[in-house]
PDB file of all heavy atoms in Angstrom:
ATOM      1  N   ALA A   1      -7.762  -1.832  -2.473  1.00  0.00           N
ATOM      2  CA  ALA A   1      -8.708  -0.844  -2.214  1.00  0.00           C
ATOM      3  C   ALA A   1     -10.195  -1.272  -2.673  1.00  0.00           C
ATOM      4  O   ALA A   1     -11.162  -1.068  -1.928  1.00  0.00           O
ATOM      5  CB  ALA A   1      -8.388   0.554  -2.835  1.00  0.00           C
ATOM      6  N   ASP A   2     -10.271  -1.747  -3.832  1.00  0.00           N
ATOM      7  CA  ASP A   2     -11.578  -2.192  -4.395  1.00  0.00           C
ATOM      8  C   ASP A   2     -12.064  -3.385  -3.620  1.00  0.00           C
ATOM      9  O   ASP A   2     -13.261  -3.437  -3.423  1.00  0.00           O
ATOM     10  CB  ASP A   2     -11.431  -2.479  -5.851  1.00  0.00           C
ATOM     11  CG  ASP A   2     -11.209  -1.242  -6.762  1.00  0.00           C
ATOM     12  OD1 ASP A   2     -11.373  -0.119  -6.217  1.00  0.00           O
ATOM     13  OD2 ASP A   2     -10.876  -1.382  -7.903  1.00  0.00           O
ATOM     14  N   HIS A   3     -11.191  -4.289  -3.260  1.00  0.00           N
ATOM     15  CA  HIS A   3     -11.649  -5.558  -2.612  1.00  0.00           C
ATOM     16  C   HIS A   3     -12.232  -5.187  -1.196  1.00  0.00           C
ATOM     17  O   HIS A   3     -13.218  -5.784  -0.805  1.00  0.00           O
ATOM     18  CB  HIS A   3     -10.413  -6.456  -2.440  1.00  0.00           C
ATOM     19  CG  HIS A   3     -10.752  -7.689  -1.747  1.00  0.00           C
ATOM     20  ND1 HIS A   3     -11.420  -8.845  -2.372  1.00  0.00           N
ATOM     21  CD2 HIS A   3     -10.572  -8.103  -0.429  1.00  0.00           C
ATOM     22  CE1 HIS A   3     -11.587  -9.755  -1.492  1.00  0.00           C
ATOM     23  NE2 HIS A   3     -11.104  -9.423  -0.296  1.00  0.00           N
ATOM     24  N   TYR A   4     -11.611  -4.215  -0.576  1.00  0.00           N
ATOM     25  CA  TYR A   4     -12.061  -3.920   0.858  1.00  0.00           C
ATOM     26  C   TYR A   4     -12.945  -2.703   0.900  1.00  0.00           C
ATOM     27  O   TYR A   4     -13.400  -2.297   2.031  1.00  0.00           O
ATOM     28  CB  TYR A   4     -10.859  -3.723   1.832  1.00  0.00           C
ATOM     29  CG  TYR A   4     -10.106  -5.018   2.019  1.00  0.00           C
ATOM     30  CD1 TYR A   4      -8.882  -5.290   1.443  1.00  0.00           C
ATOM     31  CD2 TYR A   4     -10.631  -6.017   2.844  1.00  0.00           C
ATOM     32  CE1 TYR A   4      -8.192  -6.461   1.652  1.00  0.00           C
ATOM     33  CE2 TYR A   4      -9.958  -7.171   3.082  1.00  0.00           C
ATOM     34  CZ  TYR A   4      -8.755  -7.401   2.522  1.00  0.00           C
ATOM     35  OH  TYR A   4      -8.061  -8.600   2.722  1.00  0.00           O
ATOM     36  N   GLY A   5     -13.127  -2.024  -0.202  1.00  0.00           N
ATOM     37  CA  GLY A   5     -13.990  -0.819  -0.226  1.00  0.00           C
ATOM     38  C   GLY A   5     -13.358   0.331   0.522  1.00  0.00           C
ATOM     39  O   GLY A   5     -14.086   1.069   1.203  1.00  0.00           O
ATOM     40  N   ILE A   6     -12.050   0.522   0.387  1.00  0.00           N
ATOM     41  CA  ILE A   6     -11.402   1.582   1.085  1.00  0.00           C
ATOM     42  C   ILE A   6     -10.651   2.496   0.015  1.00  0.00           C
ATOM     43  O   ILE A   6     -10.705   2.239  -1.174  1.00  0.00           O
ATOM     44  CB  ILE A   6     -10.310   1.020   2.060  1.00  0.00           C
ATOM     45  CG1 ILE A   6      -9.321   0.129   1.377  1.00  0.00           C
ATOM     46  CG2 ILE A   6     -11.051   0.274   3.183  1.00  0.00           C
ATOM     47  CD1 ILE A   6      -8.274  -0.471   2.269  1.00  0.00           C
ATOM     48  N   ALA A   7     -10.069   3.566   0.488  1.00  0.00           N
ATOM     49  CA  ALA A   7      -9.488   4.595  -0.406  1.00  0.00           C
ATOM     50  C   ALA A   7      -7.972   4.427  -0.415  1.00  0.00           C
ATOM     51  O   ALA A   7      -7.365   3.926   0.545  1.00  0.00           O
ATOM     52  CB  ALA A   7      -9.856   5.983   0.049  1.00  0.00           C
ATOM     53  N   VAL A   8      -7.385   4.832  -1.581  1.00  0.00           N
ATOM     54  CA  VAL A   8      -5.965   4.911  -1.766  1.00  0.00           C
ATOM     55  C   VAL A   8      -5.573   6.408  -1.568  1.00  0.00           C
ATOM     56  O   VAL A   8      -6.129   7.330  -2.196  1.00  0.00           O
ATOM     57  CB  VAL A   8      -5.496   4.445  -3.175  1.00  0.00           C
ATOM     58  CG1 VAL A   8      -3.962   4.685  -3.365  1.00  0.00           C
ATOM     59  CG2 VAL A   8      -5.864   3.067  -3.387  1.00  0.00           C
ATOM     60  N   TYR A   9      -4.584   6.609  -0.704  1.00  0.00           N
ATOM     61  CA  TYR A   9      -4.152   7.981  -0.371  1.00  0.00           C
ATOM     62  C   TYR A   9      -2.731   8.237  -0.883  1.00  0.00           C
ATOM     63  O   TYR A   9      -1.868   7.349  -0.726  1.00  0.00           O
ATOM     64  CB  TYR A   9      -4.090   8.216   1.168  1.00  0.00           C
ATOM     65  CG  TYR A   9      -5.399   8.282   1.849  1.00  0.00           C
ATOM     66  CD1 TYR A   9      -6.140   7.088   2.110  1.00  0.00           C
ATOM     67  CD2 TYR A   9      -6.031   9.422   2.278  1.00  0.00           C
ATOM     68  CE1 TYR A   9      -7.393   7.138   2.756  1.00  0.00           C
ATOM     69  CE2 TYR A   9      -7.197   9.512   2.967  1.00  0.00           C
ATOM     70  CZ  TYR A   9      -7.892   8.363   3.194  1.00  0.00           C
ATOM     71  OH  TYR A   9      -9.065   8.418   3.780  1.00  0.00           O
ATOM     72  N   VAL A  10      -2.511   9.471  -1.386  1.00  0.00           N
ATOM     73  CA  VAL A  10      -1.162   9.762  -1.902  1.00  0.00           C
ATOM     74  C   VAL A  10      -1.124  11.344  -1.879  1.00  0.00           C
ATOM     75  O   VAL A  10      -2.200  12.020  -1.823  1.00  0.00           O
ATOM     76  CB  VAL A  10      -0.811   9.241  -3.271  1.00  0.00           C
ATOM     77  CG1 VAL A  10      -1.542   9.977  -4.416  1.00  0.00           C
ATOM     78  CG2 VAL A  10       0.642   9.183  -3.552  1.00  0.00           C
ATOM     79  N   HIS A  11       0.040  11.931  -1.951  1.00  0.00           N
ATOM     80  CA  HIS A  11       0.179  13.377  -2.015  1.00  0.00           C
ATOM     81  C   HIS A  11      -0.284  13.889  -3.435  1.00  0.00           C
ATOM     82  O   HIS A  11      -0.021  13.228  -4.418  1.00  0.00           O
ATOM     83  CB  HIS A  11       1.626  13.812  -1.746  1.00  0.00           C
ATOM     84  CG  HIS A  11       1.715  15.248  -1.389  1.00  0.00           C
ATOM     85  ND1 HIS A  11       1.891  16.273  -2.399  1.00  0.00           N
ATOM     86  CD2 HIS A  11       1.762  15.922  -0.255  1.00  0.00           C
ATOM     87  CE1 HIS A  11       1.907  17.446  -1.784  1.00  0.00           C
ATOM     88  NE2 HIS A  11       1.820  17.247  -0.482  1.00  0.00           N
ATOM     89  N   GLU A  12      -0.857  15.061  -3.379  1.00  0.00           N
ATOM     90  CA  GLU A  12      -1.387  15.669  -4.671  1.00  0.00           C
ATOM     91  C   GLU A  12      -0.254  15.883  -5.714  1.00  0.00           C
ATOM     92  O   GLU A  12      -0.573  15.820  -6.889  1.00  0.00           O
ATOM     93  CB  GLU A  12      -2.094  16.938  -4.376  1.00  0.00           C
ATOM     94  CG  GLU A  12      -1.268  18.015  -3.737  1.00  0.00           C
ATOM     95  CD  GLU A  12      -2.033  19.231  -3.382  1.00  0.00           C
ATOM     96  OE1 GLU A  12      -3.180  19.369  -3.776  1.00  0.00           O
ATOM     97  OE2 GLU A  12      -1.497  20.163  -2.659  1.00  0.00           O
ATOM     98  N   GLU A  13       0.932  16.068  -5.284  1.00  0.00           N
ATOM     99  CA  GLU A  13       2.023  16.288  -6.210  1.00  0.00           C
ATOM    100  C   GLU A  13       2.514  14.995  -6.859  1.00  0.00           C
ATOM    101  O   GLU A  13       3.454  15.003  -7.716  1.00  0.00           O
ATOM    102  CB  GLU A  13       3.231  16.941  -5.475  1.00  0.00           C
ATOM    103  CG  GLU A  13       2.973  18.341  -4.914  1.00  0.00           C
ATOM    104  CD  GLU A  13       2.806  19.336  -6.094  1.00  0.00           C
ATOM    105  OE1 GLU A  13       3.379  19.170  -7.167  1.00  0.00           O
ATOM    106  OE2 GLU A  13       2.003  20.267  -5.918  1.00  0.00           O
ATOM    107  N   GLU A  14       1.885  13.887  -6.483  1.00  0.00           N
ATOM    108  CA  GLU A  14       2.296  12.586  -7.064  1.00  0.00           C
ATOM    109  C   GLU A  14       1.347  12.070  -8.090  1.00  0.00           C
ATOM    110  O   GLU A  14       1.621  11.002  -8.637  1.00  0.00           O
ATOM    111  CB  GLU A  14       2.385  11.577  -5.878  1.00  0.00           C
ATOM    112  CG  GLU A  14       3.351  10.417  -6.090  1.00  0.00           C
ATOM    113  CD  GLU A  14       4.821  10.831  -6.281  1.00  0.00           C
ATOM    114  OE1 GLU A  14       5.124  12.013  -6.303  1.00  0.00           O
ATOM    115  OE2 GLU A  14       5.595   9.866  -6.410  1.00  0.00           O
ATOM    116  N   LYS A  15       0.337  12.831  -8.422  1.00  0.00           N
ATOM    117  CA  LYS A  15      -0.612  12.321  -9.497  1.00  0.00           C
ATOM    118  C   LYS A  15       0.154  12.081 -10.775  1.00  0.00           C
ATOM    119  O   LYS A  15      -0.115  11.067 -11.459  1.00  0.00           O
ATOM    120  CB  LYS A  15      -1.669  13.393  -9.676  1.00  0.00           C
ATOM    121  CG  LYS A  15      -2.726  13.466  -8.616  1.00  0.00           C
ATOM    122  CD  LYS A  15      -3.887  14.403  -9.028  1.00  0.00           C
ATOM    123  CE  LYS A  15      -4.693  13.835 -10.216  1.00  0.00           C
ATOM    124  NZ  LYS A  15      -5.885  14.576 -10.573  1.00  0.00           N
ATOM    125  N   LYS A  16       0.991  12.944 -11.227  1.00  0.00           N
ATOM    126  CA  LYS A  16       1.711  12.809 -12.497  1.00  0.00           C
ATOM    127  C   LYS A  16       2.609  11.543 -12.492  1.00  0.00           C
ATOM    128  O   LYS A  16       2.681  10.806 -13.413  1.00  0.00           O
ATOM    129  CB  LYS A  16       2.557  13.989 -12.871  1.00  0.00           C
ATOM    130  CG  LYS A  16       3.215  14.020 -14.179  1.00  0.00           C
ATOM    131  CD  LYS A  16       3.909  15.305 -14.479  1.00  0.00           C
ATOM    132  CE  LYS A  16       4.615  15.267 -15.857  1.00  0.00           C
ATOM    133  NZ  LYS A  16       5.297  16.560 -16.150  1.00  0.00           N
ATOM    134  N   THR A  17       3.224  11.310 -11.358  1.00  0.00           N
ATOM    135  CA  THR A  17       4.121  10.158 -11.153  1.00  0.00           C
ATOM    136  C   THR A  17       3.309   8.854 -11.351  1.00  0.00           C
ATOM    137  O   THR A  17       3.647   7.959 -12.071  1.00  0.00           O
ATOM    138  CB  THR A  17       4.823  10.141  -9.852  1.00  0.00           C
ATOM    139  OG1 THR A  17       5.605  11.335  -9.727  1.00  0.00           O
ATOM    140  CG2 THR A  17       5.740   8.955  -9.697  1.00  0.00           C
ATOM    141  N   MET A  18       2.183   8.828 -10.684  1.00  0.00           N
ATOM    142  CA  MET A  18       1.334   7.591 -10.667  1.00  0.00           C
ATOM    143  C   MET A  18       0.710   7.401 -12.129  1.00  0.00           C
ATOM    144  O   MET A  18       0.734   6.272 -12.626  1.00  0.00           O
ATOM    145  CB  MET A  18       0.248   7.735  -9.679  1.00  0.00           C
ATOM    146  CG  MET A  18       0.697   7.635  -8.232  1.00  0.00           C
ATOM    147  SD  MET A  18      -0.652   7.590  -7.063  1.00  0.00           S
ATOM    148  CE  MET A  18      -1.287   5.972  -7.396  1.00  0.00           C
ATOM    149  N   GLU A  19       0.203   8.422 -12.655  1.00  0.00           N
ATOM    150  CA  GLU A  19      -0.653   8.270 -13.898  1.00  0.00           C
ATOM    151  C   GLU A  19       0.159   8.081 -15.210  1.00  0.00           C
ATOM    152  O   GLU A  19      -0.331   7.532 -16.137  1.00  0.00           O
ATOM    153  CB  GLU A  19      -1.554   9.442 -14.014  1.00  0.00           C
ATOM    154  CG  GLU A  19      -2.624   9.563 -12.952  1.00  0.00           C
ATOM    155  CD  GLU A  19      -3.406  10.817 -12.949  1.00  0.00           C
ATOM    156  OE1 GLU A  19      -3.158  11.625 -13.790  1.00  0.00           O
ATOM    157  OE2 GLU A  19      -4.243  10.993 -12.070  1.00  0.00           O
ATOM    158  N   ASN A  20       1.430   8.515 -15.166  1.00  0.00           N
ATOM    159  CA  ASN A  20       2.220   8.496 -16.374  1.00  0.00           C
ATOM    160  C   ASN A  20       3.297   7.397 -16.276  1.00  0.00           C
ATOM    161  O   ASN A  20       4.220   7.387 -15.414  1.00  0.00           O
ATOM    162  CB  ASN A  20       2.951   9.874 -16.515  1.00  0.00           C
ATOM    163  CG  ASN A  20       3.618   9.991 -17.886  1.00  0.00           C
ATOM    164  OD1 ASN A  20       4.121   9.100 -18.459  1.00  0.00           O
ATOM    165  ND2 ASN A  20       3.646  11.303 -18.373  1.00  0.00           N
ATOM    166  N   PRO A  21       3.238   6.400 -17.234  1.00  0.00           N
ATOM    167  CA  PRO A  21       4.226   5.318 -17.210  1.00  0.00           C
ATOM    168  C   PRO A  21       5.611   5.765 -17.292  1.00  0.00           C
ATOM    169  O   PRO A  21       6.635   5.135 -16.838  1.00  0.00           O
ATOM    170  CB  PRO A  21       3.854   4.492 -18.362  1.00  0.00           C
ATOM    171  CG  PRO A  21       2.396   4.834 -18.687  1.00  0.00           C
ATOM    172  CD  PRO A  21       2.214   6.236 -18.303  1.00  0.00           C
ATOM    173  N   ALA A  22       5.846   6.913 -17.934  1.00  0.00           N
ATOM    174  CA  ALA A  22       7.237   7.451 -17.997  1.00  0.00           C
ATOM    175  C   ALA A  22       7.784   7.842 -16.687  1.00  0.00           C
ATOM    176  O   ALA A  22       9.029   7.926 -16.535  1.00  0.00           O
ATOM    177  CB  ALA A  22       7.282   8.585 -19.039  1.00  0.00           C
ATOM    178  N   PHE A  23       6.933   8.106 -15.732  1.00  0.00           N
ATOM    179  CA  PHE A  23       7.357   8.624 -14.430  1.00  0.00           C
ATOM    180  C   PHE A  23       7.227   7.590 -13.335  1.00  0.00           C
ATOM    181  O   PHE A  23       7.975   7.613 -12.364  1.00  0.00           O
ATOM    182  CB  PHE A  23       6.594   9.866 -14.057  1.00  0.00           C
ATOM    183  CG  PHE A  23       6.872  11.024 -14.956  1.00  0.00           C
ATOM    184  CD1 PHE A  23       5.806  11.719 -15.560  1.00  0.00           C
ATOM    185  CD2 PHE A  23       8.139  11.472 -15.114  1.00  0.00           C
ATOM    186  CE1 PHE A  23       6.016  12.828 -16.352  1.00  0.00           C
ATOM    187  CE2 PHE A  23       8.372  12.606 -15.971  1.00  0.00           C
ATOM    188  CZ  PHE A  23       7.311  13.256 -16.557  1.00  0.00           C
ATOM    189  N   ASN A  24       6.297   6.579 -13.547  1.00  0.00           N
ATOM    190  CA  ASN A  24       6.160   5.604 -12.449  1.00  0.00           C
ATOM    191  C   ASN A  24       7.139   4.426 -12.576  1.00  0.00           C
ATOM    192  O   ASN A  24       7.082   3.518 -11.771  1.00  0.00           O
ATOM    193  CB  ASN A  24       4.729   5.120 -12.284  1.00  0.00           C
ATOM    194  CG  ASN A  24       4.177   4.368 -13.512  1.00  0.00           C
ATOM    195  OD1 ASN A  24       4.866   3.568 -14.037  1.00  0.00           O
ATOM    196  ND2 ASN A  24       2.941   4.697 -13.801  1.00  0.00           N
ATOM    197  N   CYS A  25       7.985   4.455 -13.589  1.00  0.00           N
ATOM    198  CA  CYS A  25       9.126   3.534 -13.743  1.00  0.00           C
ATOM    199  C   CYS A  25       8.690   2.079 -14.036  1.00  0.00           C
ATOM    200  O   CYS A  25       9.508   1.152 -13.954  1.00  0.00           O
ATOM    201  CB  CYS A  25      10.040   3.538 -12.515  1.00  0.00           C
ATOM    202  SG  CYS A  25      10.771   5.163 -12.105  1.00  0.00           S
ATOM    203  N   CYS A  26       7.493   1.847 -14.551  1.00  0.00           N
ATOM    204  CA  CYS A  26       7.042   0.473 -14.781  1.00  0.00           C
ATOM    205  C   CYS A  26       7.790  -0.091 -16.021  1.00  0.00           C
ATOM    206  O   CYS A  26       7.759  -1.362 -16.200  1.00  0.00           O
ATOM    207  CB  CYS A  26       5.567   0.486 -15.061  1.00  0.00           C
ATOM    208  SG  CYS A  26       4.969   1.512 -16.411  1.00  0.00           S
TER     209      CYS A  26
END
C-alpha cells in the first residue's frame, strides 16, 4: 500500500484481530 500509494481495506470488526498479536496468530 505504501509503495503504490493505495489503501488497505478490511472489515471494521477485524481491527482487533489485525492490531493484536494474540489474535492475528503471528
